[in-house]
Amino acid sequence: MGERLPEGYWLVADRQTAGRGRQGREWFDGRGNFMGSTVIRLGECDPPAHSLTLVAAMALYETILPLLSDPSLLMLKWPNDLLLAGGKLSGILLEREGDAVILGIGVNLAAAPDLPDRPSSALSEHVPAPVRGAFAAALAASLAGELHRWREFGLEPMVRRWLVAAHPEGTVLSVSDGPGEPLTGKFAGLENDGSLKLRLADGSTRAIHAGDVMLG
């Protein structure tokens, strides 16, 4: 039987040969970038597990923000993408196994891939890339703090903070959850459970619980 890893344990890789992102996409593992995974142990009184996607995004946002000379370059995109100067900076993937959530995070610290469907960005294009070990320690501390607030105060404060860091209401979004035409509308904030509110052309609002979101 495998060892039960405690919450707060991190595994940080030098390189990855089978990294993957949402919807089975391959994840770029450029040398000098951050690739790490950790375990979150769920308790009976914790907020809903799906809201950890917002927690992880906020922890990463708060880790990167102090590194930038121009904080306005950094923005969250639902549910957990970080955009730097409009390009995808990071990837976050959560998978549940029993009472554990495995959180994987990749960040383009030194180099960014050429993506076929969206622009990408690396932190080194704007500031000197941080030492990976120091970045990992800062991220671990940030995530621990965000998890404490999530458990102590619930999801509502997290939703409010996420909205402050995200694209403004009225931003045009396209949402795709597989084959077929994407659903297009305007960002109308988040529901109390953290799902996306999309205002459609007819004025109605639809809650989006999962999907691939593109700006514009």
N, C-alpha and C. Protein backbone atom coordinates (compact mmCIF):
# COMPACT_ATOMS: atom_id res chain seq x y z
N MET A 1 0.85 -1.19 0.00
CA MET A 1 0.00 0.00 0.00
C MET A 1 0.88 1.24 0.00
N GLY A 2 0.52 2.23 -0.78
CA GLY A 2 1.31 3.44 -0.87
C GLY A 2 1.23 4.27 0.39
N GLU A 3 2.24 5.09 0.61
CA GLU A 3 2.29 5.95 1.78
C GLU A 3 1.22 7.04 1.66
N ARG A 4 0.54 7.33 2.77
CA ARG A 4 -0.45 8.40 2.80
C ARG A 4 0.29 9.72 3.00
N LEU A 5 0.31 10.54 1.97
CA LEU A 5 1.05 11.79 2.04
C LEU A 5 0.24 12.83 2.80
N PRO A 6 0.88 13.60 3.64
CA PRO A 6 0.17 14.63 4.41
C PRO A 6 -0.09 15.87 3.56
N GLU A 7 -1.10 16.63 3.95
CA GLU A 7 -1.34 17.91 3.28
C GLU A 7 -0.12 18.81 3.48
N GLY A 8 0.22 19.51 2.43
CA GLY A 8 1.38 20.39 2.49
C GLY A 8 2.63 19.79 1.88
N TYR A 9 2.59 18.49 1.59
CA TYR A 9 3.71 17.84 0.92
C TYR A 9 3.71 18.26 -0.55
N TRP A 10 4.88 18.65 -1.07
CA TRP A 10 5.01 19.07 -2.47
C TRP A 10 6.03 18.19 -3.17
N LEU A 11 5.75 17.89 -4.42
CA LEU A 11 6.71 17.25 -5.30
C LEU A 11 6.98 18.21 -6.45
N VAL A 12 8.22 18.64 -6.60
CA VAL A 12 8.60 19.58 -7.65
C VAL A 12 9.55 18.87 -8.61
N ALA A 13 9.22 18.94 -9.91
CA ALA A 13 9.97 18.21 -10.92
C ALA A 13 10.94 19.13 -11.66
N ASP A 14 12.09 18.58 -12.03
CA ASP A 14 13.02 19.29 -12.90
C ASP A 14 12.51 19.30 -14.34
N ARG A 15 12.05 18.14 -14.81
CA ARG A 15 11.47 18.01 -16.14
C ARG A 15 10.30 17.05 -16.05
N GLN A 16 9.39 17.13 -17.04
CA GLN A 16 8.27 16.21 -17.13
C GLN A 16 8.24 15.60 -18.52
N THR A 17 7.93 14.31 -18.58
CA THR A 17 7.84 13.64 -19.88
C THR A 17 6.40 13.34 -20.25
N ALA A 18 5.48 13.46 -19.30
CA ALA A 18 4.07 13.16 -19.59
C ALA A 18 3.16 14.15 -18.89
N GLY A 19 3.58 15.41 -18.84
CA GLY A 19 2.74 16.43 -18.22
C GLY A 19 1.47 16.64 -19.03
N ARG A 20 0.37 16.92 -18.33
CA ARG A 20 -0.88 17.14 -19.04
C ARG A 20 -1.70 18.21 -18.34
N GLY A 21 -2.53 18.86 -19.14
CA GLY A 21 -3.41 19.90 -18.62
C GLY A 21 -4.86 19.49 -18.77
N ARG A 22 -5.74 20.51 -18.80
CA ARG A 22 -7.17 20.23 -18.94
C ARG A 22 -7.47 19.58 -20.28
N GLN A 23 -8.50 18.72 -20.26
CA GLN A 23 -8.99 18.04 -21.46
C GLN A 23 -7.88 17.24 -22.16
N GLY A 24 -6.93 16.72 -21.36
CA GLY A 24 -5.90 15.86 -21.90
C GLY A 24 -4.80 16.54 -22.67
N ARG A 25 -4.76 17.87 -22.63
CA ARG A 25 -3.71 18.59 -23.37
C ARG A 25 -2.33 18.29 -22.76
N GLU A 26 -1.32 18.34 -23.62
CA GLU A 26 0.05 18.20 -23.16
C GLU A 26 0.49 19.49 -22.49
N TRP A 27 1.28 19.37 -21.41
CA TRP A 27 1.79 20.56 -20.74
C TRP A 27 3.28 20.72 -21.04
N PHE A 28 3.66 21.88 -21.50
CA PHE A 28 5.05 22.24 -21.83
C PHE A 28 5.89 22.28 -20.56
N ASP A 29 7.09 21.68 -20.61
CA ASP A 29 7.92 21.61 -19.40
C ASP A 29 9.28 22.27 -19.63
N GLY A 30 9.28 23.46 -20.19
CA GLY A 30 10.52 24.15 -20.50
C GLY A 30 11.46 24.26 -19.31
N ARG A 31 12.74 24.10 -19.56
CA ARG A 31 13.73 24.15 -18.48
C ARG A 31 13.68 25.50 -17.77
N GLY A 32 13.69 25.46 -16.45
CA GLY A 32 13.61 26.67 -15.65
C GLY A 32 12.20 27.03 -15.23
N ASN A 33 11.21 26.33 -15.79
CA ASN A 33 9.83 26.57 -15.39
C ASN A 33 9.50 25.81 -14.11
N PHE A 34 8.35 26.15 -13.53
CA PHE A 34 7.91 25.46 -12.31
C PHE A 34 6.89 24.39 -12.65
N MET A 35 7.10 23.20 -12.12
CA MET A 35 6.15 22.09 -12.26
C MET A 35 6.07 21.39 -10.91
N GLY A 36 4.95 21.52 -10.24
CA GLY A 36 4.83 20.95 -8.92
C GLY A 36 3.45 20.40 -8.64
N SER A 37 3.39 19.45 -7.72
CA SER A 37 2.12 18.86 -7.30
C SER A 37 2.10 18.77 -5.78
N THR A 38 0.90 18.89 -5.22
CA THR A 38 0.73 18.77 -3.79
C THR A 38 -0.60 18.10 -3.49
N VAL A 39 -0.78 17.76 -2.22
CA VAL A 39 -1.98 17.05 -1.76
C VAL A 39 -2.77 17.95 -0.83
N ILE A 40 -4.07 18.01 -1.05
CA ILE A 40 -4.98 18.71 -0.13
C ILE A 40 -5.92 17.66 0.45
N ARG A 41 -5.98 17.56 1.77
CA ARG A 41 -6.83 16.59 2.45
C ARG A 41 -8.15 17.25 2.83
N LEU A 42 -9.25 16.67 2.37
CA LEU A 42 -10.56 17.25 2.59
C LEU A 42 -11.12 16.84 3.95
N GLY A 43 -11.72 17.80 4.63
CA GLY A 43 -12.38 17.54 5.90
C GLY A 43 -13.88 17.65 5.76
N GLU A 44 -14.61 17.10 6.73
CA GLU A 44 -16.06 17.09 6.67
C GLU A 44 -16.67 18.49 6.65
N CYS A 45 -16.01 19.43 7.28
CA CYS A 45 -16.56 20.80 7.38
C CYS A 45 -16.00 21.75 6.33
N ASP A 46 -15.19 21.23 5.42
CA ASP A 46 -14.62 22.09 4.39
C ASP A 46 -15.69 22.56 3.40
N PRO A 47 -15.49 23.72 2.77
CA PRO A 47 -16.37 24.12 1.66
C PRO A 47 -16.30 23.09 0.54
N PRO A 48 -17.19 23.19 -0.46
CA PRO A 48 -17.20 22.21 -1.56
C PRO A 48 -15.83 22.07 -2.22
N ALA A 49 -15.46 20.82 -2.51
CA ALA A 49 -14.13 20.54 -3.05
C ALA A 49 -13.89 21.23 -4.39
N HIS A 50 -14.95 21.39 -5.22
CA HIS A 50 -14.73 22.00 -6.53
C HIS A 50 -14.24 23.44 -6.43
N SER A 51 -14.52 24.10 -5.30
CA SER A 51 -14.09 25.49 -5.14
C SER A 51 -12.59 25.62 -4.91
N LEU A 52 -11.91 24.50 -4.74
CA LEU A 52 -10.45 24.56 -4.59
C LEU A 52 -9.77 25.09 -5.84
N THR A 53 -10.45 25.03 -6.98
CA THR A 53 -9.87 25.59 -8.20
C THR A 53 -9.66 27.09 -8.05
N LEU A 54 -10.60 27.78 -7.36
CA LEU A 54 -10.45 29.22 -7.11
C LEU A 54 -9.35 29.46 -6.08
N VAL A 55 -9.28 28.59 -5.07
CA VAL A 55 -8.26 28.72 -4.03
C VAL A 55 -6.86 28.61 -4.64
N ALA A 56 -6.68 27.61 -5.49
CA ALA A 56 -5.37 27.41 -6.12
C ALA A 56 -4.99 28.59 -7.00
N ALA A 57 -5.96 29.09 -7.77
CA ALA A 57 -5.69 30.23 -8.64
C ALA A 57 -5.30 31.47 -7.84
N MET A 58 -6.01 31.71 -6.73
CA MET A 58 -5.70 32.88 -5.92
C MET A 58 -4.33 32.75 -5.26
N ALA A 59 -3.99 31.54 -4.81
CA ALA A 59 -2.67 31.33 -4.21
C ALA A 59 -1.56 31.63 -5.21
N LEU A 60 -1.74 31.17 -6.45
CA LEU A 60 -0.73 31.43 -7.47
C LEU A 60 -0.69 32.91 -7.84
N TYR A 61 -1.84 33.52 -7.96
CA TYR A 61 -1.92 34.95 -8.26
C TYR A 61 -1.16 35.77 -7.20
N GLU A 62 -1.40 35.46 -5.92
CA GLU A 62 -0.76 36.21 -4.84
C GLU A 62 0.74 35.93 -4.77
N THR A 63 1.18 34.81 -5.30
CA THR A 63 2.62 34.51 -5.34
C THR A 63 3.32 35.31 -6.43
N ILE A 64 2.68 35.44 -7.58
CA ILE A 64 3.30 36.09 -8.73
C ILE A 64 3.19 37.61 -8.68
N LEU A 65 2.09 38.11 -8.14
CA LEU A 65 1.83 39.55 -8.16
C LEU A 65 2.99 40.39 -7.61
N PRO A 66 3.59 40.04 -6.46
CA PRO A 66 4.68 40.88 -5.94
C PRO A 66 5.94 40.88 -6.80
N LEU A 67 6.05 39.95 -7.73
CA LEU A 67 7.24 39.87 -8.59
C LEU A 67 7.18 40.86 -9.74
N LEU A 68 5.99 41.41 -10.01
CA LEU A 68 5.80 42.25 -11.19
C LEU A 68 5.96 43.72 -10.87
N SER A 69 6.59 44.45 -11.76
CA SER A 69 6.68 45.90 -11.59
C SER A 69 5.37 46.57 -11.99
N ASP A 70 4.59 45.92 -12.83
CA ASP A 70 3.28 46.43 -13.25
C ASP A 70 2.22 45.38 -12.95
N PRO A 71 1.59 45.45 -11.77
CA PRO A 71 0.62 44.42 -11.38
C PRO A 71 -0.58 44.33 -12.31
N SER A 72 -0.86 45.40 -13.08
CA SER A 72 -2.02 45.38 -13.96
C SER A 72 -1.86 44.38 -15.11
N LEU A 73 -0.64 43.88 -15.33
CA LEU A 73 -0.41 42.89 -16.38
C LEU A 73 -1.00 41.53 -16.06
N LEU A 74 -1.25 41.27 -14.76
CA LEU A 74 -1.67 39.94 -14.31
C LEU A 74 -3.18 39.90 -14.09
N MET A 75 -3.82 38.84 -14.57
CA MET A 75 -5.27 38.74 -14.48
C MET A 75 -5.68 37.28 -14.40
N LEU A 76 -6.75 37.01 -13.64
CA LEU A 76 -7.32 35.67 -13.57
C LEU A 76 -8.40 35.50 -14.63
N LYS A 77 -8.47 34.29 -15.18
CA LYS A 77 -9.54 33.91 -16.11
C LYS A 77 -10.16 32.62 -15.60
N TRP A 78 -11.47 32.60 -15.54
CA TRP A 78 -12.18 31.46 -14.96
C TRP A 78 -11.86 30.17 -15.71
N PRO A 79 -11.67 29.04 -14.97
CA PRO A 79 -11.77 29.01 -13.50
C PRO A 79 -10.45 29.25 -12.79
N ASN A 80 -9.31 28.97 -13.46
CA ASN A 80 -8.05 29.07 -12.70
C ASN A 80 -6.85 29.42 -13.56
N ASP A 81 -7.06 30.02 -14.73
CA ASP A 81 -5.93 30.44 -15.56
C ASP A 81 -5.39 31.78 -15.10
N LEU A 82 -4.06 31.94 -15.15
CA LEU A 82 -3.45 33.24 -14.96
C LEU A 82 -2.97 33.74 -16.32
N LEU A 83 -3.34 34.96 -16.66
CA LEU A 83 -2.91 35.60 -17.89
C LEU A 83 -1.93 36.71 -17.54
N LEU A 84 -0.82 36.74 -18.24
CA LEU A 84 0.18 37.79 -18.07
C LEU A 84 0.30 38.52 -19.39
N ALA A 85 -0.06 39.81 -19.39
CA ALA A 85 -0.09 40.60 -20.62
C ALA A 85 -0.94 39.91 -21.69
N GLY A 86 -2.00 39.25 -21.28
CA GLY A 86 -2.91 38.60 -22.20
C GLY A 86 -2.55 37.19 -22.61
N GLY A 87 -1.38 36.70 -22.21
CA GLY A 87 -0.94 35.36 -22.57
C GLY A 87 -1.06 34.39 -21.41
N LYS A 88 -1.31 33.14 -21.71
CA LYS A 88 -1.45 32.11 -20.68
C LYS A 88 -0.11 31.88 -19.98
N LEU A 89 -0.08 32.11 -18.69
CA LEU A 89 1.15 32.00 -17.91
C LEU A 89 1.26 30.66 -17.20
N SER A 90 0.13 30.05 -16.87
CA SER A 90 0.18 28.89 -15.99
C SER A 90 -0.95 27.92 -16.31
N GLY A 91 -0.84 26.73 -15.75
CA GLY A 91 -1.89 25.74 -15.83
C GLY A 91 -2.10 25.11 -14.47
N ILE A 92 -3.35 24.86 -14.11
CA ILE A 92 -3.70 24.24 -12.83
C ILE A 92 -4.65 23.09 -13.11
N LEU A 93 -4.35 21.94 -12.53
CA LEU A 93 -5.20 20.77 -12.71
C LEU A 93 -5.44 20.13 -11.35
N LEU A 94 -6.71 19.84 -11.04
CA LEU A 94 -7.08 19.20 -9.79
C LEU A 94 -7.77 17.88 -10.07
N GLU A 95 -7.38 16.85 -9.35
CA GLU A 95 -7.98 15.53 -9.48
C GLU A 95 -8.25 14.98 -8.08
N ARG A 96 -9.46 14.45 -7.89
CA ARG A 96 -9.83 13.95 -6.57
C ARG A 96 -9.64 12.44 -6.50
N GLU A 97 -9.09 12.00 -5.37
CA GLU A 97 -8.93 10.59 -5.06
C GLU A 97 -9.35 10.38 -3.61
N GLY A 98 -10.59 9.94 -3.40
CA GLY A 98 -11.09 9.76 -2.04
C GLY A 98 -11.17 11.08 -1.31
N ASP A 99 -10.52 11.16 -0.15
CA ASP A 99 -10.54 12.40 0.64
C ASP A 99 -9.40 13.33 0.26
N ALA A 100 -8.69 13.02 -0.82
CA ALA A 100 -7.55 13.82 -1.23
C ALA A 100 -7.82 14.49 -2.58
N VAL A 101 -7.32 15.70 -2.73
CA VAL A 101 -7.30 16.37 -4.02
C VAL A 101 -5.84 16.56 -4.40
N ILE A 102 -5.47 16.04 -5.56
CA ILE A 102 -4.12 16.22 -6.08
C ILE A 102 -4.12 17.47 -6.93
N LEU A 103 -3.32 18.44 -6.53
CA LEU A 103 -3.24 19.73 -7.22
C LEU A 103 -1.92 19.81 -7.96
N GLY A 104 -2.00 19.95 -9.28
CA GLY A 104 -0.81 20.13 -10.10
C GLY A 104 -0.76 21.53 -10.67
N ILE A 105 0.39 22.16 -10.61
CA ILE A 105 0.56 23.53 -11.08
C ILE A 105 1.80 23.61 -11.96
N GLY A 106 1.64 24.23 -13.12
CA GLY A 106 2.78 24.54 -13.98
C GLY A 106 2.81 26.02 -14.28
N VAL A 107 3.97 26.64 -14.19
CA VAL A 107 4.10 28.08 -14.41
C VAL A 107 5.27 28.34 -15.36
N ASN A 108 5.03 29.16 -16.37
CA ASN A 108 6.09 29.54 -17.31
C ASN A 108 6.95 30.63 -16.67
N LEU A 109 7.90 30.21 -15.87
CA LEU A 109 8.81 31.18 -15.25
C LEU A 109 9.85 31.67 -16.25
N ALA A 110 10.45 30.76 -17.01
CA ALA A 110 11.57 31.10 -17.88
C ALA A 110 11.24 31.10 -19.35
N ALA A 111 10.29 30.25 -19.77
CA ALA A 111 9.99 30.11 -21.20
C ALA A 111 8.53 29.73 -21.37
N ALA A 112 7.98 30.13 -22.50
CA ALA A 112 6.57 29.83 -22.80
C ALA A 112 6.50 29.06 -24.11
N PRO A 113 5.55 28.13 -24.22
CA PRO A 113 5.40 27.37 -25.47
C PRO A 113 4.63 28.17 -26.51
N ASP A 114 4.73 27.75 -27.75
CA ASP A 114 3.86 28.27 -28.80
C ASP A 114 2.59 27.43 -28.81
N LEU A 115 1.47 28.02 -28.42
CA LEU A 115 0.21 27.29 -28.35
C LEU A 115 -0.59 27.51 -29.62
N PRO A 116 -1.27 26.47 -30.11
CA PRO A 116 -1.98 26.59 -31.39
C PRO A 116 -3.25 27.42 -31.30
N ASP A 117 -3.82 27.56 -30.11
CA ASP A 117 -5.15 28.17 -30.01
C ASP A 117 -5.22 29.41 -29.14
N ARG A 118 -4.07 29.84 -28.56
CA ARG A 118 -4.11 31.00 -27.68
C ARG A 118 -2.70 31.52 -27.46
N PRO A 119 -2.55 32.80 -27.12
CA PRO A 119 -1.22 33.32 -26.82
C PRO A 119 -0.72 32.80 -25.48
N SER A 120 0.57 32.74 -25.33
CA SER A 120 1.19 32.31 -24.08
C SER A 120 2.19 33.37 -23.63
N SER A 121 2.59 33.27 -22.38
CA SER A 121 3.50 34.26 -21.82
C SER A 121 4.40 33.61 -20.79
N ALA A 122 5.59 34.18 -20.60
CA ALA A 122 6.51 33.73 -19.56
C ALA A 122 6.84 34.92 -18.65
N LEU A 123 7.04 34.64 -17.39
CA LEU A 123 7.38 35.70 -16.44
C LEU A 123 8.67 36.40 -16.83
N SER A 124 9.62 35.65 -17.41
CA SER A 124 10.92 36.21 -17.78
C SER A 124 10.82 37.26 -18.87
N GLU A 125 9.67 37.34 -19.56
CA GLU A 125 9.49 38.36 -20.58
C GLU A 125 9.25 39.74 -19.97
N HIS A 126 9.01 39.79 -18.67
CA HIS A 126 8.68 41.05 -18.00
C HIS A 126 9.59 41.36 -16.82
N VAL A 127 10.04 40.33 -16.13
CA VAL A 127 10.95 40.51 -14.98
C VAL A 127 11.91 39.33 -14.98
N PRO A 128 13.04 39.44 -14.27
CA PRO A 128 13.93 38.27 -14.17
C PRO A 128 13.19 37.08 -13.57
N ALA A 129 13.35 35.92 -14.18
CA ALA A 129 12.69 34.72 -13.67
C ALA A 129 13.19 34.40 -12.27
N PRO A 130 12.30 34.11 -11.33
CA PRO A 130 12.73 33.78 -9.97
C PRO A 130 13.42 32.43 -9.92
N VAL A 131 14.24 32.24 -8.90
CA VAL A 131 14.83 30.92 -8.65
C VAL A 131 13.70 29.96 -8.31
N ARG A 132 13.72 28.81 -8.93
CA ARG A 132 12.59 27.89 -8.80
C ARG A 132 12.33 27.50 -7.35
N GLY A 133 13.38 27.24 -6.58
CA GLY A 133 13.20 26.82 -5.20
C GLY A 133 12.54 27.90 -4.36
N ALA A 134 12.95 29.13 -4.56
CA ALA A 134 12.34 30.23 -3.81
C ALA A 134 10.89 30.42 -4.23
N PHE A 135 10.62 30.25 -5.53
CA PHE A 135 9.25 30.37 -6.00
C PHE A 135 8.38 29.27 -5.40
N ALA A 136 8.90 28.05 -5.35
CA ALA A 136 8.15 26.92 -4.79
C ALA A 136 7.82 27.17 -3.32
N ALA A 137 8.77 27.69 -2.57
CA ALA A 137 8.52 27.97 -1.15
C ALA A 137 7.46 29.04 -0.97
N ALA A 138 7.53 30.08 -1.80
CA ALA A 138 6.53 31.15 -1.71
C ALA A 138 5.14 30.65 -2.07
N LEU A 139 5.06 29.80 -3.10
CA LEU A 139 3.77 29.26 -3.52
C LEU A 139 3.19 28.34 -2.45
N ALA A 140 4.03 27.51 -1.84
CA ALA A 140 3.56 26.62 -0.78
C ALA A 140 2.99 27.41 0.39
N ALA A 141 3.67 28.48 0.77
CA ALA A 141 3.19 29.32 1.87
C ALA A 141 1.90 30.02 1.49
N SER A 142 1.81 30.49 0.26
CA SER A 142 0.60 31.17 -0.19
C SER A 142 -0.59 30.22 -0.20
N LEU A 143 -0.39 29.00 -0.71
CA LEU A 143 -1.48 28.04 -0.74
C LEU A 143 -1.93 27.66 0.66
N ALA A 144 -0.99 27.48 1.58
CA ALA A 144 -1.36 27.16 2.96
C ALA A 144 -2.22 28.27 3.56
N GLY A 145 -1.86 29.52 3.30
CA GLY A 145 -2.65 30.64 3.81
C GLY A 145 -4.04 30.70 3.20
N GLU A 146 -4.13 30.45 1.89
CA GLU A 146 -5.43 30.49 1.23
C GLU A 146 -6.32 29.33 1.71
N LEU A 147 -5.75 28.17 1.93
CA LEU A 147 -6.53 27.05 2.45
C LEU A 147 -7.06 27.34 3.84
N HIS A 148 -6.26 27.99 4.66
CA HIS A 148 -6.72 28.37 6.01
C HIS A 148 -7.91 29.33 5.92
N ARG A 149 -7.82 30.33 5.07
CA ARG A 149 -8.92 31.29 4.93
C ARG A 149 -10.17 30.61 4.36
N TRP A 150 -9.98 29.71 3.40
CA TRP A 150 -11.09 28.97 2.79
C TRP A 150 -11.85 28.17 3.84
N ARG A 151 -11.10 27.52 4.73
CA ARG A 151 -11.72 26.70 5.78
C ARG A 151 -12.29 27.55 6.90
N GLU A 152 -11.64 28.65 7.21
CA GLU A 152 -12.06 29.47 8.34
C GLU A 152 -13.25 30.36 8.00
N PHE A 153 -13.27 30.92 6.78
CA PHE A 153 -14.27 31.93 6.45
C PHE A 153 -15.23 31.50 5.33
N GLY A 154 -14.99 30.36 4.71
CA GLY A 154 -15.88 29.89 3.67
C GLY A 154 -15.54 30.44 2.30
N LEU A 155 -16.43 30.18 1.37
CA LEU A 155 -16.16 30.49 -0.04
C LEU A 155 -16.44 31.93 -0.41
N GLU A 156 -17.37 32.60 0.26
CA GLU A 156 -17.79 33.93 -0.16
C GLU A 156 -16.63 34.93 -0.25
N PRO A 157 -15.76 35.03 0.77
CA PRO A 157 -14.64 35.98 0.64
C PRO A 157 -13.70 35.61 -0.51
N MET A 158 -13.54 34.32 -0.77
CA MET A 158 -12.68 33.90 -1.88
C MET A 158 -13.26 34.36 -3.22
N VAL A 159 -14.57 34.21 -3.38
CA VAL A 159 -15.22 34.65 -4.61
C VAL A 159 -15.03 36.15 -4.81
N ARG A 160 -15.19 36.93 -3.74
CA ARG A 160 -15.03 38.39 -3.86
C ARG A 160 -13.61 38.75 -4.27
N ARG A 161 -12.62 38.12 -3.67
CA ARG A 161 -11.23 38.42 -4.01
C ARG A 161 -10.90 37.98 -5.42
N TRP A 162 -11.43 36.83 -5.83
CA TRP A 162 -11.19 36.34 -7.18
C TRP A 162 -11.72 37.33 -8.21
N LEU A 163 -12.89 37.88 -7.96
CA LEU A 163 -13.50 38.83 -8.91
C LEU A 163 -12.65 40.09 -9.05
N VAL A 164 -12.05 40.54 -7.98
CA VAL A 164 -11.20 41.73 -8.04
C VAL A 164 -10.00 41.49 -8.96
N ALA A 165 -9.49 40.26 -8.97
CA ALA A 165 -8.30 39.94 -9.75
C ALA A 165 -8.60 39.51 -11.18
N ALA A 166 -9.88 39.37 -11.52
CA ALA A 166 -10.27 38.81 -12.81
C ALA A 166 -10.58 39.89 -13.84
N HIS A 167 -10.84 39.46 -15.06
CA HIS A 167 -11.29 40.36 -16.12
C HIS A 167 -12.62 41.00 -15.68
N PRO A 168 -12.90 42.23 -16.12
CA PRO A 168 -14.08 42.95 -15.64
C PRO A 168 -15.38 42.35 -16.16
N GLU A 169 -16.45 42.63 -15.45
CA GLU A 169 -17.77 42.22 -15.93
C GLU A 169 -18.03 42.88 -17.29
N GLY A 170 -18.70 42.15 -18.16
CA GLY A 170 -18.95 42.62 -19.52
C GLY A 170 -17.94 42.12 -20.52
N THR A 171 -16.83 41.50 -20.05
CA THR A 171 -15.85 40.92 -20.96
C THR A 171 -16.51 39.81 -21.77
N VAL A 172 -16.29 39.81 -23.08
CA VAL A 172 -16.86 38.77 -23.94
C VAL A 172 -16.08 37.47 -23.75
N LEU A 173 -16.82 36.38 -23.50
CA LEU A 173 -16.22 35.07 -23.28
C LEU A 173 -16.87 34.05 -24.21
N SER A 174 -16.08 33.08 -24.63
CA SER A 174 -16.58 31.91 -25.36
C SER A 174 -16.28 30.68 -24.53
N VAL A 175 -17.30 29.86 -24.31
CA VAL A 175 -17.16 28.68 -23.46
C VAL A 175 -17.43 27.43 -24.29
N SER A 176 -16.48 26.49 -24.24
CA SER A 176 -16.62 25.24 -24.96
C SER A 176 -16.45 24.09 -23.98
N ASP A 177 -17.35 23.11 -24.06
CA ASP A 177 -17.22 21.93 -23.20
C ASP A 177 -17.10 20.65 -24.02
N GLY A 178 -16.61 20.78 -25.25
CA GLY A 178 -16.44 19.62 -26.10
C GLY A 178 -16.79 19.94 -27.53
N PRO A 179 -17.23 18.95 -28.30
CA PRO A 179 -17.59 19.20 -29.70
C PRO A 179 -18.80 20.12 -29.80
N GLY A 180 -18.89 20.79 -30.92
CA GLY A 180 -20.01 21.70 -31.12
C GLY A 180 -19.58 23.15 -31.00
N GLU A 181 -20.50 24.03 -31.33
CA GLU A 181 -20.21 25.46 -31.29
C GLU A 181 -20.06 25.94 -29.85
N PRO A 182 -19.07 26.80 -29.58
CA PRO A 182 -18.94 27.35 -28.23
C PRO A 182 -20.09 28.29 -27.91
N LEU A 183 -20.34 28.44 -26.64
CA LEU A 183 -21.37 29.35 -26.15
C LEU A 183 -20.71 30.70 -25.87
N THR A 184 -21.24 31.76 -26.47
CA THR A 184 -20.64 33.09 -26.33
C THR A 184 -21.57 34.00 -25.55
N GLY A 185 -20.99 34.79 -24.67
CA GLY A 185 -21.76 35.76 -23.89
C GLY A 185 -20.81 36.71 -23.20
N LYS A 186 -21.32 37.43 -22.22
CA LYS A 186 -20.51 38.39 -21.48
C LYS A 186 -20.39 37.96 -20.02
N PHE A 187 -19.21 38.16 -19.48
CA PHE A 187 -18.93 37.79 -18.10
C PHE A 187 -19.83 38.60 -17.17
N ALA A 188 -20.56 37.88 -16.31
CA ALA A 188 -21.50 38.52 -15.38
C ALA A 188 -21.17 38.19 -13.94
N GLY A 189 -19.92 37.82 -13.67
CA GLY A 189 -19.50 37.52 -12.31
C GLY A 189 -19.53 36.03 -12.03
N LEU A 190 -19.55 35.69 -10.74
CA LEU A 190 -19.58 34.31 -10.31
C LEU A 190 -20.80 34.06 -9.44
N GLU A 191 -21.30 32.84 -9.50
CA GLU A 191 -22.33 32.41 -8.56
C GLU A 191 -21.70 32.22 -7.19
N ASN A 192 -22.55 32.07 -6.17
CA ASN A 192 -22.03 31.88 -4.82
C ASN A 192 -21.17 30.63 -4.68
N ASP A 193 -21.41 29.62 -5.55
CA ASP A 193 -20.62 28.39 -5.48
C ASP A 193 -19.36 28.46 -6.33
N GLY A 194 -19.09 29.61 -6.95
CA GLY A 194 -17.89 29.78 -7.75
C GLY A 194 -18.06 29.49 -9.22
N SER A 195 -19.23 29.06 -9.65
CA SER A 195 -19.45 28.83 -11.08
C SER A 195 -19.54 30.15 -11.83
N LEU A 196 -19.29 30.10 -13.12
CA LEU A 196 -19.25 31.28 -13.98
C LEU A 196 -20.66 31.71 -14.36
N LYS A 197 -20.94 32.99 -14.30
CA LYS A 197 -22.21 33.53 -14.80
C LYS A 197 -21.95 34.17 -16.16
N LEU A 198 -22.66 33.65 -17.17
CA LEU A 198 -22.50 34.13 -18.55
C LEU A 198 -23.81 34.74 -19.00
N ARG A 199 -23.77 36.04 -19.36
CA ARG A 199 -24.97 36.72 -19.85
C ARG A 199 -25.05 36.56 -21.37
N LEU A 200 -26.13 35.95 -21.82
CA LEU A 200 -26.30 35.65 -23.23
C LEU A 200 -26.91 36.84 -23.97
N ALA A 201 -26.95 36.74 -25.30
CA ALA A 201 -27.41 37.85 -26.14
C ALA A 201 -28.87 38.21 -25.86
N ASP A 202 -29.67 37.24 -25.42
CA ASP A 202 -31.08 37.52 -25.14
C ASP A 202 -31.32 38.10 -23.75
N GLY A 203 -30.24 38.35 -23.02
CA GLY A 203 -30.35 38.95 -21.70
C GLY A 203 -30.42 37.95 -20.56
N SER A 204 -30.60 36.70 -20.88
CA SER A 204 -30.65 35.67 -19.82
C SER A 204 -29.23 35.37 -19.33
N THR A 205 -29.14 34.77 -18.16
CA THR A 205 -27.85 34.42 -17.57
C THR A 205 -27.79 32.92 -17.35
N ARG A 206 -26.68 32.33 -17.75
CA ARG A 206 -26.50 30.89 -17.59
C ARG A 206 -25.31 30.63 -16.67
N ALA A 207 -25.46 29.68 -15.75
CA ALA A 207 -24.38 29.26 -14.88
C ALA A 207 -23.55 28.21 -15.60
N ILE A 208 -22.23 28.40 -15.65
CA ILE A 208 -21.31 27.49 -16.29
C ILE A 208 -20.50 26.80 -15.19
N HIS A 209 -20.59 25.49 -15.10
CA HIS A 209 -19.91 24.76 -14.05
C HIS A 209 -18.58 24.15 -14.53
N ALA A 210 -18.43 23.98 -15.83
CA ALA A 210 -17.19 23.42 -16.38
C ALA A 210 -17.10 23.82 -17.85
N GLY A 211 -15.90 23.93 -18.35
CA GLY A 211 -15.72 24.27 -19.76
C GLY A 211 -14.41 24.99 -19.98
N ASP A 212 -14.03 25.09 -21.23
CA ASP A 212 -12.82 25.78 -21.64
C ASP A 212 -13.22 27.20 -22.05
N VAL A 213 -12.66 28.20 -21.39
CA VAL A 213 -13.09 29.59 -21.59
C VAL A 213 -12.02 30.37 -22.34
N MET A 214 -12.45 31.10 -23.35
CA MET A 214 -11.57 31.98 -24.11
C MET A 214 -12.08 33.40 -24.05
N LEU A 215 -11.19 34.37 -23.98
CA LEU A 215 -11.58 35.77 -24.02
C LEU A 215 -11.88 36.18 -25.45
N GLY A 216 -12.95 36.97 -25.62
CA GLY A 216 -13.27 37.51 -26.93
C GLY A 216 -14.07 36.56 -27.79
